[in-house]
Structures are given as C-alpha cells and as structure tokens.
C-alpha cells in the first residue's frame, strides 16, 4: 500500500517534492519545476510547500 510521505533519498530541502514524485511515479525534477513555477506566479507554491513540509510524515515514521 502506497502512502504519501517526505522522501529521504530524493531530499533537497524537506523532501516534499521527492515524496510526491515517488508517490505518483514522476521524476522529482519535474515536481520541483512545478513548485518553482507556482512560486514565481503568485507565491502559492511556497505556501503549499510549507504546509506539506509540516503535514507530511517522514519516510521513517511510515515504515516503523
């Protein structure tokens, strides 16, 4: 069963984009570019990223 979590292996800042990419089977770079585009077009991406970084569990917490 797949669960959405922050990634430890594809981590750049908090692992949010890596976790989303692993969950949906995308390349993490594509997800990072989408978040960057959202940040540049009004700043909504930053808010979504911060909320996801707080709400999403760590990968280690899911496996334990």
Protein backbone atom coordinates (compact mmCIF):
# COMPACT_ATOMS: atom_id res chain seq x y z
CA UNK A 1 0.00 0.00 0.00
CA UNK A 2 1.47 3.35 -1.07
CA UNK A 3 1.42 6.26 1.34
CA UNK A 4 2.41 9.84 0.73
CA UNK A 5 5.50 10.80 2.74
CA UNK A 6 8.58 13.01 2.60
CA UNK A 7 11.45 11.32 0.80
CA UNK A 8 14.83 10.66 2.39
CA UNK A 9 16.53 9.58 -0.83
CA UNK A 10 15.28 12.43 -3.08
CA UNK A 11 15.61 15.17 -0.49
CA UNK A 12 16.78 18.69 -1.37
CA UNK A 13 15.12 20.89 1.25
CA UNK A 14 12.43 18.99 3.16
CA UNK A 15 11.80 16.02 0.86
CA UNK A 16 8.29 17.11 -0.12
CA UNK A 17 8.84 17.16 -3.90
CA UNK A 18 10.73 13.86 -3.77
CA UNK A 19 7.93 12.25 -1.79
CA UNK A 20 5.27 13.49 -4.18
CA UNK A 21 7.33 12.27 -7.15
CA UNK A 22 7.80 8.81 -5.58
CA UNK A 23 4.08 8.53 -4.81
CA UNK A 24 2.93 9.41 -8.34
CA UNK A 25 5.89 7.82 -10.17
CA UNK A 26 7.25 11.08 -11.64
CA UNK A 27 10.77 12.40 -11.92
CA UNK A 28 11.47 14.59 -8.84
CA UNK A 29 12.92 17.32 -11.07
CA UNK A 30 9.55 17.77 -12.78
CA UNK A 31 7.77 18.18 -9.44
CA UNK A 32 10.42 20.69 -8.30
CA UNK A 33 9.98 22.69 -11.51
CA UNK A 34 6.20 22.77 -10.98
CA UNK A 35 6.65 24.09 -7.43
CA UNK A 36 9.16 26.68 -8.68
CA UNK A 37 6.73 27.84 -11.38
CA UNK A 38 3.95 28.13 -8.78
CA UNK A 39 6.24 30.20 -6.56
CA UNK A 40 7.09 32.57 -9.42
CA UNK A 41 3.47 33.04 -10.49
CA UNK A 42 1.97 34.42 -7.33
CA UNK A 43 3.74 32.65 -4.48
CA UNK A 44 1.11 29.94 -3.93
CA UNK A 45 3.68 27.20 -4.39
CA UNK A 46 5.68 28.36 -1.39
CA UNK A 47 2.64 28.25 0.86
CA UNK A 48 1.66 24.78 -0.40
CA UNK A 49 5.24 23.55 0.07
CA UNK A 50 5.45 24.86 3.64
CA UNK A 51 2.13 23.29 4.60
CA UNK A 52 3.17 19.97 3.01
CA UNK A 53 6.52 20.06 4.83
CA UNK A 54 4.69 20.40 8.15
CA UNK A 55 1.86 17.93 7.47
CA UNK A 56 3.58 15.10 5.53
CA UNK A 57 5.19 12.41 7.70
CA UNK A 58 8.82 11.38 7.34
CA UNK A 59 9.57 8.17 5.41
CA UNK A 60 10.97 6.55 8.57
CA UNK A 61 7.74 7.17 10.50
CA UNK A 62 5.71 5.30 7.86
CA UNK A 63 7.88 2.17 7.91
CA UNK A 64 8.11 1.89 11.71
